[in-house]
N, C-alpha and C. Protein backbone atom coordinates (compact mmCIF):
# COMPACT_ATOMS: atom_id res chain seq x y z
N UNK A 1 -141.26 -57.92 12.84
CA UNK A 1 -140.69 -56.60 13.01
C UNK A 1 -139.58 -56.67 14.06
N UNK A 2 -138.44 -56.07 13.76
CA UNK A 2 -137.32 -56.06 14.70
C UNK A 2 -137.56 -55.04 15.81
N UNK A 3 -137.04 -55.35 16.98
CA UNK A 3 -137.12 -54.44 18.11
C UNK A 3 -135.90 -53.52 18.09
N UNK A 4 -136.15 -52.22 18.10
CA UNK A 4 -135.05 -51.25 18.12
C UNK A 4 -134.51 -51.16 19.55
N UNK A 5 -133.17 -51.20 19.67
CA UNK A 5 -132.53 -51.20 20.98
C UNK A 5 -131.40 -50.18 21.00
N UNK A 6 -131.35 -49.40 22.07
CA UNK A 6 -130.22 -48.51 22.35
C UNK A 6 -129.58 -49.06 23.62
N UNK A 7 -128.36 -49.56 23.51
CA UNK A 7 -127.66 -50.15 24.65
C UNK A 7 -126.91 -49.06 25.40
N UNK A 8 -127.29 -48.85 26.66
CA UNK A 8 -126.61 -47.90 27.54
C UNK A 8 -125.77 -48.74 28.49
N UNK A 9 -124.47 -48.61 28.42
CA UNK A 9 -123.58 -49.52 29.12
C UNK A 9 -122.41 -48.80 29.77
N UNK A 10 -121.79 -49.50 30.70
CA UNK A 10 -120.56 -49.02 31.33
C UNK A 10 -119.46 -50.06 31.10
N UNK A 11 -119.36 -50.53 29.86
CA UNK A 11 -118.41 -51.59 29.52
C UNK A 11 -117.03 -51.26 30.10
N UNK A 12 -116.50 -52.21 30.80
CA UNK A 12 -115.20 -52.02 31.44
C UNK A 12 -114.58 -53.37 31.74
N UNK A 13 -114.30 -53.61 33.00
CA UNK A 13 -113.62 -54.85 33.35
C UNK A 13 -114.59 -55.99 33.70
N UNK A 14 -115.90 -55.76 33.69
CA UNK A 14 -116.88 -56.82 33.89
C UNK A 14 -117.33 -57.35 32.54
N UNK A 15 -117.61 -58.63 32.46
CA UNK A 15 -117.95 -59.25 31.19
C UNK A 15 -119.43 -59.14 30.83
N UNK A 16 -120.29 -58.79 31.79
CA UNK A 16 -121.74 -58.83 31.54
C UNK A 16 -122.19 -57.90 30.42
N UNK A 17 -121.65 -56.70 30.34
CA UNK A 17 -122.06 -55.77 29.28
C UNK A 17 -121.52 -56.21 27.92
N UNK A 18 -120.35 -56.79 27.89
CA UNK A 18 -119.80 -57.29 26.62
C UNK A 18 -120.64 -58.45 26.10
N UNK A 19 -121.11 -59.31 26.99
CA UNK A 19 -121.97 -60.42 26.58
C UNK A 19 -123.32 -59.88 26.08
N UNK A 20 -123.86 -58.89 26.74
CA UNK A 20 -125.11 -58.29 26.30
C UNK A 20 -124.96 -57.69 24.90
N UNK A 21 -123.85 -57.02 24.65
CA UNK A 21 -123.60 -56.44 23.34
C UNK A 21 -123.48 -57.53 22.27
N UNK A 22 -122.75 -58.59 22.57
CA UNK A 22 -122.61 -59.70 21.62
C UNK A 22 -123.96 -60.34 21.34
N UNK A 23 -124.77 -60.52 22.37
CA UNK A 23 -126.11 -61.10 22.19
C UNK A 23 -126.96 -60.23 21.27
N UNK A 24 -126.97 -58.94 21.51
CA UNK A 24 -127.77 -58.04 20.70
C UNK A 24 -127.31 -58.03 19.24
N UNK A 25 -126.01 -58.07 19.03
CA UNK A 25 -125.48 -58.09 17.66
C UNK A 25 -125.82 -59.38 16.93
N UNK A 26 -125.91 -60.49 17.66
CA UNK A 26 -126.19 -61.78 17.04
C UNK A 26 -127.68 -62.07 16.90
N UNK A 27 -128.52 -61.33 17.59
CA UNK A 27 -129.95 -61.60 17.61
C UNK A 27 -130.62 -61.04 16.34
N UNK A 28 -131.19 -61.89 15.50
CA UNK A 28 -131.80 -61.42 14.26
C UNK A 28 -133.07 -60.60 14.48
N UNK A 29 -133.67 -60.67 15.68
CA UNK A 29 -134.88 -59.91 15.97
C UNK A 29 -134.59 -58.53 16.56
N UNK A 30 -133.31 -58.20 16.66
CA UNK A 30 -132.89 -56.95 17.28
C UNK A 30 -132.29 -56.00 16.24
N UNK A 31 -132.70 -54.74 16.30
CA UNK A 31 -132.10 -53.70 15.48
C UNK A 31 -131.34 -52.77 16.43
N UNK A 32 -130.04 -53.04 16.60
CA UNK A 32 -129.21 -52.25 17.51
C UNK A 32 -128.93 -50.91 16.84
N UNK A 33 -129.58 -49.87 17.34
CA UNK A 33 -129.47 -48.55 16.71
C UNK A 33 -128.35 -47.71 17.29
N UNK A 34 -127.81 -48.12 18.44
CA UNK A 34 -126.71 -47.36 19.01
C UNK A 34 -126.23 -47.94 20.32
N UNK A 35 -125.03 -47.52 20.70
CA UNK A 35 -124.43 -47.91 21.96
C UNK A 35 -123.93 -46.64 22.64
N UNK A 36 -124.35 -46.43 23.86
CA UNK A 36 -123.94 -45.27 24.64
C UNK A 36 -123.12 -45.79 25.81
N UNK A 37 -121.95 -45.22 26.02
CA UNK A 37 -121.12 -45.65 27.14
C UNK A 37 -120.93 -44.51 28.12
N UNK A 38 -120.74 -44.87 29.36
CA UNK A 38 -120.48 -43.88 30.40
C UNK A 38 -119.63 -44.50 31.49
N UNK A 39 -118.95 -43.66 32.20
CA UNK A 39 -118.12 -44.15 33.29
C UNK A 39 -117.58 -42.97 34.08
N UNK A 40 -117.18 -43.27 35.29
CA UNK A 40 -116.52 -42.26 36.10
C UNK A 40 -115.04 -42.18 35.77
N UNK A 41 -114.54 -43.17 34.99
CA UNK A 41 -113.13 -43.22 34.62
C UNK A 41 -113.00 -43.40 33.11
N UNK A 42 -113.36 -42.39 32.32
CA UNK A 42 -113.39 -42.56 30.87
C UNK A 42 -112.04 -42.91 30.24
N UNK A 43 -110.96 -42.38 30.73
CA UNK A 43 -109.65 -42.67 30.15
C UNK A 43 -109.28 -44.12 30.37
N UNK A 44 -109.51 -44.63 31.58
CA UNK A 44 -109.17 -46.02 31.88
C UNK A 44 -110.05 -46.99 31.10
N UNK A 45 -111.32 -46.68 30.91
CA UNK A 45 -112.22 -47.59 30.21
C UNK A 45 -112.06 -47.51 28.71
N UNK A 46 -111.60 -46.42 28.17
CA UNK A 46 -111.39 -46.31 26.72
C UNK A 46 -110.22 -47.14 26.31
């Protein structure tokens, strides 16, 4: 059975969240059901 995951991230100029997203997408045991982003600078991060 796959594990359902909702990734809550602040993807921006650090690579750690991007690597976590890539890992979850490549993991066959993971069912990535959504990605939620947040930031204090939404225009700059978009």
